[in-house]
Amino acid sequence: MSRVLWACAVLFVASTSLFAQQPSSLTRYEAKLDLLGSAPASAPVPLTQEENLPAKKSVGLAVLYSLLVPGMGELYADGFSSGKYFLIAEGVLWLGYAAVQIHADELRDGARSFAVSHAGVDVSGKDDDFFVDVGNFMTVADYNDKRLRDREPEKLYDPLAGYNWRWDNDASRLTYRDQRISSENMYNNRKFIGAAIVVNHIVSAINAARSVIAYNNAQSDALGNLHLSTRLLGGMEQPHGVLVTVAQGF
């Protein structure tokens, strides 16, 4: 009976010592019980202990990184093989946005220069509505007459204050209007590119979260179960001890 109690005690000590250790890839303990003596021949001693596995990563941090810069959350989660495409897309979209902005500015400036040459427009200090009206009416007088007929005197332009124009012919007016509309359409294209940039950030953040979950699951899959084995020393004919082995993989 005393030998059985000693065996239980050794097993308990070995298990307690095992779970008190920090998780590692593999931790193995052995303890030998001398059946012929009155105490364990040796206390549980770790035989091998490999380097600790990396800590689990944060989903929140990965999402934040990708919301700021697409692909960075995946890089944090060791999943840059997919994150690099979001980073490349981000660069392409911003280059496209800049190209559209430059082209739209060129079209707008060209249209206004054309209005200066063919309608005598003073472009300084004018808003977009003024340039729309310039393309819709041959002269400022035609515009003001329309506003008076519509009972909108608050929208009248004062020719003496620089709000004056007169197209040399209707073909020039139509040419200007087409140029102005082209520039406006180009500016509107920026909205679609901006929306694509926002979507790229959001999709990258979602992918980063999935990458972190996959990373953490992979770490969990690396964890082993507790393995307990005993071996009778000396065999059944001449037993003289029990070897207790406790191993746990992480």
C-alpha atoms as a PDB file:
ATOM      1  CA  MET A   1       0.000   0.000   0.000  1.00  0.00           C
ATOM      2  CA  SER A   2       2.814   2.432   0.829  1.00  0.00           C
ATOM      3  CA  ARG A   3       4.380   1.816  -2.532  1.00  0.00           C
ATOM      4  CA  VAL A   4       1.103   2.660  -4.259  1.00  0.00           C
ATOM      5  CA  LEU A   5       0.850   5.867  -2.229  1.00  0.00           C
ATOM      6  CA  TRP A   6       4.394   6.822  -3.224  1.00  0.00           C
ATOM      7  CA  ALA A   7       3.569   6.171  -6.879  1.00  0.00           C
ATOM      8  CA  CYS A   8       0.485   8.432  -6.652  1.00  0.00           C
ATOM      9  CA  ALA A   9       2.534  11.117  -4.919  1.00  0.00           C
ATOM     10  CA  VAL A  10       5.187  11.029  -7.599  1.00  0.00           C
ATOM     11  CA  LEU A  11       2.537  11.272 -10.312  1.00  0.00           C
ATOM     12  CA  PHE A  12       0.893  14.222  -8.542  1.00  0.00           C
ATOM     13  CA  VAL A  13       4.196  16.089  -8.124  1.00  0.00           C
ATOM     14  CA  ALA A  14       5.123  15.463 -11.733  1.00  0.00           C
ATOM     15  CA  SER A  15       1.765  16.727 -12.998  1.00  0.00           C
ATOM     16  CA  THR A  16       1.853  19.799 -10.750  1.00  0.00           C
ATOM     17  CA  SER A  17       5.357  20.691 -11.850  1.00  0.00           C
ATOM     18  CA  LEU A  18       4.340  20.255 -15.465  1.00  0.00           C
ATOM     19  CA  PHE A  19       1.401  22.650 -15.438  1.00  0.00           C
ATOM     20  CA  ALA A  20       3.349  25.232 -13.453  1.00  0.00           C
ATOM     21  CA  GLN A  21       5.699  25.651 -16.426  1.00  0.00           C
ATOM     22  CA  GLN A  22       5.164  28.231 -19.221  1.00  0.00           C
ATOM     23  CA  PRO A  23       3.869  26.747 -22.502  1.00  0.00           C
ATOM     24  CA  SER A  24       6.553  25.563 -24.898  1.00  0.00           C
ATOM     25  CA  SER A  25       6.700  23.453 -28.001  1.00  0.00           C
ATOM     26  CA  LEU A  26       7.583  20.332 -26.015  1.00  0.00           C
ATOM     27  CA  THR A  27       8.182  19.798 -22.337  1.00  0.00           C
ATOM     28  CA  ARG A  28       9.037  16.309 -21.023  1.00  0.00           C
ATOM     29  CA  TYR A  29       9.439  15.178 -17.447  1.00  0.00           C
ATOM     30  CA  GLU A  30      10.576  11.904 -15.957  1.00  0.00           C
ATOM     31  CA  ALA A  31      10.518  10.678 -12.376  1.00  0.00           C
ATOM     32  CA  LYS A  32      11.761   7.353 -11.061  1.00  0.00           C
ATOM     33  CA  LEU A  33      10.224   5.661  -8.028  1.00  0.00           C
ATOM     34  CA  ASP A  34      12.368   3.174  -6.176  1.00  0.00           C
ATOM     35  CA  LEU A  35       9.988   0.446  -4.992  1.00  0.00           C
ATOM     36  CA  LEU A  36      12.620  -0.932  -2.686  1.00  0.00           C
ATOM     37  CA  GLY A  37      13.227   2.347  -0.841  1.00  0.00           C
ATOM     38  CA  SER A  38      10.960   4.583   1.170  1.00  0.00           C
ATOM     39  CA  ALA A  39      10.995   7.637  -1.073  1.00  0.00           C
ATOM     40  CA  PRO A  40      11.202   8.525  -4.721  1.00  0.00           C
ATOM     41  CA  ALA A  41      14.609   7.960  -6.142  1.00  0.00           C
ATOM     42  CA  SER A  42      14.473  11.291  -7.938  1.00  0.00           C
ATOM     43  CA  ALA A  43      12.174  14.254  -8.230  1.00  0.00           C
ATOM     44  CA  PRO A  44      10.605  15.147 -11.556  1.00  0.00           C
ATOM     45  CA  VAL A  45      13.258  16.762 -13.702  1.00  0.00           C
ATOM     46  CA  PRO A  46      12.609  18.290 -17.116  1.00  0.00           C
ATOM     47  CA  LEU A  47      14.636  16.382 -19.681  1.00  0.00           C
ATOM     48  CA  THR A  48      13.949  18.574 -22.685  1.00  0.00           C
ATOM     49  CA  GLN A  49      12.338  21.951 -23.130  1.00  0.00           C
ATOM     50  CA  GLU A  50      12.305  23.582 -26.558  1.00  0.00           C
ATOM     51  CA  GLU A  51      12.025  27.257 -27.367  1.00  0.00           C
ATOM     52  CA  ASN A  52       8.678  28.843 -26.563  1.00  0.00           C
ATOM     53  CA  LEU A  53       6.257  29.392 -29.435  1.00  0.00           C
ATOM     54  CA  PRO A  54       5.404  32.973 -30.482  1.00  0.00           C
ATOM     55  CA  ALA A  55       2.535  34.612 -28.640  1.00  0.00           C
ATOM     56  CA  LYS A  56      -0.825  34.836 -30.333  1.00  0.00           C
ATOM     57  CA  LYS A  57      -1.508  37.975 -32.354  1.00  0.00           C
ATOM     58  CA  SER A  58      -4.253  40.556 -31.911  1.00  0.00           C
ATOM     59  CA  VAL A  59      -7.114  40.727 -34.402  1.00  0.00           C
ATOM     60  CA  GLY A  60      -7.789  44.340 -33.425  1.00  0.00           C
ATOM     61  CA  LEU A  61      -4.231  45.436 -34.181  1.00  0.00           C
ATOM     62  CA  ALA A  62      -4.262  43.679 -37.550  1.00  0.00           C
ATOM     63  CA  VAL A  63      -7.523  45.393 -38.500  1.00  0.00           C
ATOM     64  CA  LEU A  64      -6.168  48.783 -37.404  1.00  0.00           C
ATOM     65  CA  TYR A  65      -2.949  48.359 -39.379  1.00  0.00           C
ATOM     66  CA  SER A  66      -4.799  47.451 -42.579  1.00  0.00           C
ATOM     67  CA  LEU A  67      -7.290  50.267 -42.150  1.00  0.00           C
ATOM     68  CA  LEU A  68      -4.341  52.655 -42.039  1.00  0.00           C
ATOM     69  CA  VAL A  69      -2.257  51.000 -44.773  1.00  0.00           C
ATOM     70  CA  PRO A  70      -3.722  48.008 -46.657  1.00  0.00           C
ATOM     71  CA  GLY A  71      -1.473  44.958 -46.413  1.00  0.00           C
ATOM     72  CA  MET A  72       0.178  45.957 -43.134  1.00  0.00           C
ATOM     73  CA  GLY A  73      -2.284  43.938 -41.053  1.00  0.00           C
ATOM     74  CA  GLU A  74      -1.477  40.860 -43.126  1.00  0.00           C
ATOM     75  CA  LEU A  75       2.235  41.559 -42.678  1.00  0.00           C
ATOM     76  CA  TYR A  76       1.685  41.664 -38.912  1.00  0.00           C
ATOM     77  CA  ALA A  77      -0.170  38.327 -39.115  1.00  0.00           C
ATOM     78  CA  ASP A  78       2.574  36.679 -41.203  1.00  0.00           C
ATOM     79  CA  GLY A  79       0.170  36.651 -44.145  1.00  0.00           C
ATOM     80  CA  PHE A  80       1.797  39.185 -46.446  1.00  0.00           C
ATOM     81  CA  SER A  81       1.576  36.731 -49.347  1.00  0.00           C
ATOM     82  CA  SER A  82      -2.024  37.921 -49.721  1.00  0.00           C
ATOM     83  CA  GLY A  83      -1.567  41.351 -48.139  1.00  0.00           C
ATOM     84  CA  LYS A  84       0.920  42.462 -50.779  1.00  0.00           C
ATOM     85  CA  TYR A  85      -1.854  42.602 -53.360  1.00  0.00           C
ATOM     86  CA  PHE A  86      -3.807  45.083 -51.240  1.00  0.00           C
ATOM     87  CA  LEU A  87      -0.688  47.213 -50.859  1.00  0.00           C
ATOM     88  CA  ILE A  88      -0.055  47.129 -54.608  1.00  0.00           C
ATOM     89  CA  ALA A  89      -3.696  47.998 -55.294  1.00  0.00           C
ATOM     90  CA  GLU A  90      -3.428  50.924 -52.874  1.00  0.00           C
ATOM     91  CA  GLY A  91      -0.465  52.338 -54.753  1.00  0.00           C
ATOM     92  CA  VAL A  92      -2.131  51.877 -58.141  1.00  0.00           C
ATOM     93  CA  LEU A  93      -5.359  53.517 -56.959  1.00  0.00           C
ATOM     94  CA  TRP A  94      -3.571  56.555 -55.543  1.00  0.00           C
ATOM     95  CA  LEU A  95      -1.544  56.930 -58.740  1.00  0.00           C
ATOM     96  CA  GLY A  96      -4.782  56.729 -60.704  1.00  0.00           C
ATOM     97  CA  TYR A  97      -6.380  59.315 -58.444  1.00  0.00           C
ATOM     98  CA  ALA A  98      -3.471  61.688 -58.970  1.00  0.00           C
ATOM     99  CA  ALA A  99      -3.531  61.154 -62.747  1.00  0.00           C
ATOM    100  CA  VAL A 100      -7.267  61.873 -62.920  1.00  0.00           C
ATOM    101  CA  GLN A 101      -6.848  64.981 -60.762  1.00  0.00           C
ATOM    102  CA  ILE A 102      -4.081  66.333 -62.990  1.00  0.00           C
ATOM    103  CA  HIS A 103      -6.006  65.615 -66.186  1.00  0.00           C
ATOM    104  CA  ALA A 104      -9.185  67.199 -64.802  1.00  0.00           C
ATOM    105  CA  ASP A 105      -7.260  70.326 -63.816  1.00  0.00           C
ATOM    106  CA  GLU A 106      -5.783  70.541 -67.300  1.00  0.00           C
ATOM    107  CA  LEU A 107      -9.221  70.241 -68.929  1.00  0.00           C
ATOM    108  CA  ARG A 108     -10.712  72.863 -66.618  1.00  0.00           C
ATOM    109  CA  ASP A 109      -7.865  75.326 -67.112  1.00  0.00           C
ATOM    110  CA  GLY A 110      -7.984  74.772 -70.862  1.00  0.00           C
ATOM    111  CA  ALA A 111     -11.716  75.443 -70.994  1.00  0.00           C
ATOM    112  CA  ARG A 112     -11.386  78.628 -68.965  1.00  0.00           C
ATOM    113  CA  SER A 113      -8.513  79.859 -71.100  1.00  0.00           C
ATOM    114  CA  PHE A 114     -10.709  79.239 -74.133  1.00  0.00           C
ATOM    115  CA  ALA A 115     -13.490  81.318 -72.548  1.00  0.00           C
ATOM    116  CA  VAL A 116     -11.049  84.153 -71.895  1.00  0.00           C
ATOM    117  CA  SER A 117      -9.988  84.153 -75.558  1.00  0.00           C
ATOM    118  CA  HIS A 118     -13.434  83.776 -77.157  1.00  0.00           C
ATOM    119  CA  ALA A 119     -15.804  85.414 -74.644  1.00  0.00           C
ATOM    120  CA  GLY A 120     -13.662  87.913 -72.758  1.00  0.00           C
ATOM    121  CA  VAL A 121     -14.319  86.187 -69.419  1.00  0.00           C
ATOM    122  CA  ASP A 122     -12.567  87.396 -66.286  1.00  0.00           C
ATOM    123  CA  VAL A 123     -11.824  84.108 -64.452  1.00  0.00           C
ATOM    124  CA  SER A 124     -10.437  85.555 -61.209  1.00  0.00           C
ATOM    125  CA  GLY A 125     -12.575  85.057 -58.117  1.00  0.00           C
ATOM    126  CA  LYS A 126     -15.366  83.176 -59.932  1.00  0.00           C
ATOM    127  CA  ASP A 127     -17.074  80.025 -58.678  1.00  0.00           C
ATOM    128  CA  ASP A 128     -18.062  76.941 -60.676  1.00  0.00           C
ATOM    129  CA  ASP A 129     -21.655  78.112 -61.133  1.00  0.00           C
ATOM    130  CA  PHE A 130     -20.442  81.175 -63.023  1.00  0.00           C
ATOM    131  CA  PHE A 131     -18.529  79.037 -65.518  1.00  0.00           C
ATOM    132  CA  VAL A 132     -21.586  76.838 -66.009  1.00  0.00           C
ATOM    133  CA  ASP A 133     -23.670  79.923 -66.847  1.00  0.00           C
ATOM    134  CA  VAL A 134     -21.001  81.179 -69.258  1.00  0.00           C
ATOM    135  CA  GLY A 135     -21.417  77.992 -71.273  1.00  0.00           C
ATOM    136  CA  ASN A 136     -25.207  78.206 -71.315  1.00  0.00           C
ATOM    137  CA  PHE A 137     -25.679  81.798 -72.489  1.00  0.00           C
ATOM    138  CA  MET A 138     -24.143  83.834 -75.297  1.00  0.00           C
ATOM    139  CA  THR A 139     -23.878  87.004 -73.193  1.00  0.00           C
ATOM    140  CA  VAL A 140     -24.306  88.103 -69.601  1.00  0.00           C
ATOM    141  CA  ALA A 141     -27.316  90.146 -70.757  1.00  0.00           C
ATOM    142  CA  ASP A 142     -29.034  86.971 -72.010  1.00  0.00           C
ATOM    143  CA  TYR A 143     -28.366  85.354 -68.660  1.00  0.00           C
ATOM    144  CA  ASN A 144     -29.732  88.311 -66.633  1.00  0.00           C
ATOM    145  CA  ASP A 145     -32.873  88.490 -68.802  1.00  0.00           C
ATOM    146  CA  LYS A 146     -33.536  84.815 -68.047  1.00  0.00           C
ATOM    147  CA  ARG A 147     -33.110  85.366 -64.320  1.00  0.00           C
ATOM    148  CA  LEU A 148     -35.536  88.305 -64.379  1.00  0.00           C
ATOM    149  CA  ARG A 149     -38.125  86.261 -66.269  1.00  0.00           C
ATOM    150  CA  ASP A 150     -37.745  83.503 -63.665  1.00  0.00           C
ATOM    151  CA  ARG A 151     -38.093  86.114 -60.876  1.00  0.00           C
ATOM    152  CA  GLU A 152     -34.662  85.360 -59.468  1.00  0.00           C
ATOM    153  CA  PRO A 153     -33.085  88.828 -59.156  1.00  0.00           C
ATOM    154  CA  GLU A 154     -30.717  87.594 -56.440  1.00  0.00           C
ATOM    155  CA  LYS A 155     -28.877  85.563 -59.100  1.00  0.00           C
ATOM    156  CA  LEU A 156     -28.149  88.515 -61.421  1.00  0.00           C
ATOM    157  CA  TYR A 157     -24.539  89.209 -62.449  1.00  0.00           C
ATOM    158  CA  ASP A 158     -23.093  92.720 -62.387  1.00  0.00           C
ATOM    159  CA  PRO A 159     -21.114  93.257 -65.604  1.00  0.00           C
ATOM    160  CA  LEU A 160     -19.276  96.170 -64.015  1.00  0.00           C
ATOM    161  CA  ALA A 161     -17.972  93.904 -61.236  1.00  0.00           C
ATOM    162  CA  GLY A 162     -16.159  91.582 -63.626  1.00  0.00           C
ATOM    163  CA  TYR A 163     -19.102  89.251 -64.333  1.00  0.00           C
ATOM    164  CA  ASN A 164     -19.291  89.927 -68.030  1.00  0.00           C
ATOM    165  CA  TRP A 165     -18.917  87.795 -71.171  1.00  0.00           C
ATOM    166  CA  ARG A 166     -19.852  87.782 -74.867  1.00  0.00           C
ATOM    167  CA  TRP A 167     -19.085  84.805 -77.104  1.00  0.00           C
ATOM    168  CA  ASP A 168     -17.738  85.517 -80.562  1.00  0.00           C
ATOM    169  CA  ASN A 169     -20.002  82.801 -81.985  1.00  0.00           C
ATOM    170  CA  ASP A 170     -22.206  79.963 -80.825  1.00  0.00           C
ATOM    171  CA  ALA A 171     -19.754  77.316 -82.009  1.00  0.00           C
ATOM    172  CA  SER A 172     -17.153  78.665 -79.582  1.00  0.00           C
ATOM    173  CA  ARG A 173     -19.667  78.582 -76.751  1.00  0.00           C
ATOM    174  CA  LEU A 174     -20.520  74.957 -77.491  1.00  0.00           C
ATOM    175  CA  THR A 175     -16.842  74.031 -77.686  1.00  0.00           C
ATOM    176  CA  TYR A 176     -16.237  75.605 -74.297  1.00  0.00           C
ATOM    177  CA  ARG A 177     -19.230  73.876 -72.781  1.00  0.00           C
ATOM    178  CA  ASP A 178     -18.039  70.479 -74.016  1.00  0.00           C
ATOM    179  CA  GLN A 179     -14.598  71.121 -72.532  1.00  0.00           C
ATOM    180  CA  ARG A 180     -16.078  72.188 -69.211  1.00  0.00           C
ATOM    181  CA  ILE A 181     -18.348  69.125 -69.062  1.00  0.00           C
ATOM    182  CA  SER A 182     -15.383  66.850 -69.837  1.00  0.00           C
ATOM    183  CA  SER A 183     -13.429  68.342 -66.954  1.00  0.00           C
ATOM    184  CA  GLU A 184     -16.430  67.963 -64.650  1.00  0.00           C
ATOM    185  CA  ASN A 185     -16.807  64.300 -65.613  1.00  0.00           C
ATOM    186  CA  MET A 186     -13.142  63.751 -64.933  1.00  0.00           C
ATOM    187  CA  TYR A 187     -13.493  65.270 -61.471  1.00  0.00           C
ATOM    188  CA  ASN A 188     -16.434  62.972 -60.819  1.00  0.00           C
ATOM    189  CA  ASN A 189     -14.251  59.991 -61.678  1.00  0.00           C
ATOM    190  CA  ARG A 190     -12.187  60.794 -58.586  1.00  0.00           C
ATOM    191  CA  LYS A 191     -15.171  59.805 -56.454  1.00  0.00           C
ATOM    192  CA  PHE A 192     -15.148  56.285 -57.889  1.00  0.00           C
ATOM    193  CA  ILE A 193     -11.424  55.928 -57.309  1.00  0.00           C
ATOM    194  CA  GLY A 194     -11.833  57.297 -53.769  1.00  0.00           C
ATOM    195  CA  ALA A 195     -14.592  54.757 -53.119  1.00  0.00           C
ATOM    196  CA  ALA A 196     -12.322  51.989 -54.436  1.00  0.00           C
ATOM    197  CA  ILE A 197      -9.579  53.130 -52.041  1.00  0.00           C
ATOM    198  CA  VAL A 198     -11.981  52.937 -49.098  1.00  0.00           C
ATOM    199  CA  VAL A 199     -13.146  49.475 -50.169  1.00  0.00           C
ATOM    200  CA  ASN A 200      -9.524  48.334 -50.491  1.00  0.00           C
ATOM    201  CA  HIS A 201      -8.856  49.398 -46.892  1.00  0.00           C
ATOM    202  CA  ILE A 202     -11.950  47.616 -45.581  1.00  0.00           C
ATOM    203  CA  VAL A 203     -11.364  44.391 -47.508  1.00  0.00           C
ATOM    204  CA  SER A 204      -7.720  44.364 -46.423  1.00  0.00           C
ATOM    205  CA  ALA A 205      -8.793  44.815 -42.795  1.00  0.00           C
ATOM    206  CA  ILE A 206     -11.175  41.865 -43.088  1.00  0.00           C
ATOM    207  CA  ASN A 207      -8.484  39.755 -44.709  1.00  0.00           C
ATOM    208  CA  ALA A 208      -6.007  40.760 -41.995  1.00  0.00           C
ATOM    209  CA  ALA A 209      -8.454  39.626 -39.321  1.00  0.00           C
ATOM    210  CA  ARG A 210      -8.827  36.281 -41.079  1.00  0.00           C
ATOM    211  CA  SER A 211      -5.043  35.983 -41.337  1.00  0.00           C
ATOM    212  CA  VAL A 212      -4.643  36.546 -37.587  1.00  0.00           C
ATOM    213  CA  ILE A 213      -7.342  33.981 -36.821  1.00  0.00           C
ATOM    214  CA  ALA A 214      -5.621  31.476 -39.101  1.00  0.00           C
ATOM    215  CA  TYR A 215      -2.257  32.254 -37.471  1.00  0.00           C
ATOM    216  CA  ASN A 216      -3.631  31.787 -33.960  1.00  0.00           C
ATOM    217  CA  ASN A 217      -5.415  28.590 -34.965  1.00  0.00           C
ATOM    218  CA  ALA A 218      -2.154  27.264 -36.362  1.00  0.00           C
ATOM    219  CA  GLN A 219      -0.499  27.970 -33.022  1.00  0.00           C
ATOM    220  CA  SER A 220      -3.318  26.177 -31.225  1.00  0.00           C
ATOM    221  CA  ASP A 221      -3.041  23.195 -33.566  1.00  0.00           C
ATOM    222  CA  ALA A 222       0.627  22.939 -32.579  1.00  0.00           C
ATOM    223  CA  LEU A 223      -0.359  22.280 -28.977  1.00  0.00           C
ATOM    224  CA  GLY A 224      -0.104  18.645 -27.978  1.00  0.00           C
ATOM    225  CA  ASN A 225      -2.019  16.706 -25.356  1.00  0.00           C
ATOM    226  CA  LEU A 226      -0.660  15.578 -22.043  1.00  0.00           C
ATOM    227  CA  HIS A 227       0.985  12.204 -22.423  1.00  0.00           C
ATOM    228  CA  LEU A 228       1.529  10.061 -19.345  1.00  0.00           C
ATOM    229  CA  SER A 229       3.366   6.786 -19.468  1.00  0.00           C
ATOM    230  CA  THR A 230       4.744   4.445 -16.840  1.00  0.00           C
ATOM    231  CA  ARG A 231       7.239   1.620 -17.127  1.00  0.00           C
ATOM    232  CA  LEU A 232       8.051  -0.991 -14.557  1.00  0.00           C
ATOM    233  CA  LEU A 233      11.774  -1.201 -14.018  1.00  0.00           C
ATOM    234  CA  GLY A 234      13.205  -4.695 -13.707  1.00  0.00           C
ATOM    235  CA  GLY A 235      10.213  -6.393 -15.299  1.00  0.00           C
ATOM    236  CA  MET A 236       7.448  -8.373 -13.627  1.00  0.00           C
ATOM    237  CA  GLU A 237       9.876 -10.995 -12.262  1.00  0.00           C
ATOM    238  CA  GLN A 238      12.141  -8.609 -10.336  1.00  0.00           C
ATOM    239  CA  PRO A 239      10.489  -5.183 -10.136  1.00  0.00           C
ATOM    240  CA  HIS A 240      12.634  -2.570  -8.407  1.00  0.00           C
ATOM    241  CA  GLY A 241      11.133   0.738  -9.572  1.00  0.00           C
ATOM    242  CA  VAL A 242       8.637   2.629 -11.678  1.00  0.00           C
ATOM    243  CA  LEU A 243       9.591   5.192 -14.345  1.00  0.00           C
ATOM    244  CA  VAL A 244       6.889   7.848 -14.748  1.00  0.00           C
ATOM    245  CA  THR A 245       7.091  10.008 -17.911  1.00  0.00           C
ATOM    246  CA  VAL A 246       4.884  13.070 -18.365  1.00  0.00           C
ATOM    247  CA  ALA A 247       5.113  14.962 -21.659  1.00  0.00           C
ATOM    248  CA  GLN A 248       3.122  17.809 -23.098  1.00  0.00           C
ATOM    249  CA  GLY A 249       3.572  19.466 -26.454  1.00  0.00           C
ATOM    250  CA  PHE A 250       2.578  23.075 -27.146  1.00  0.00           C
END
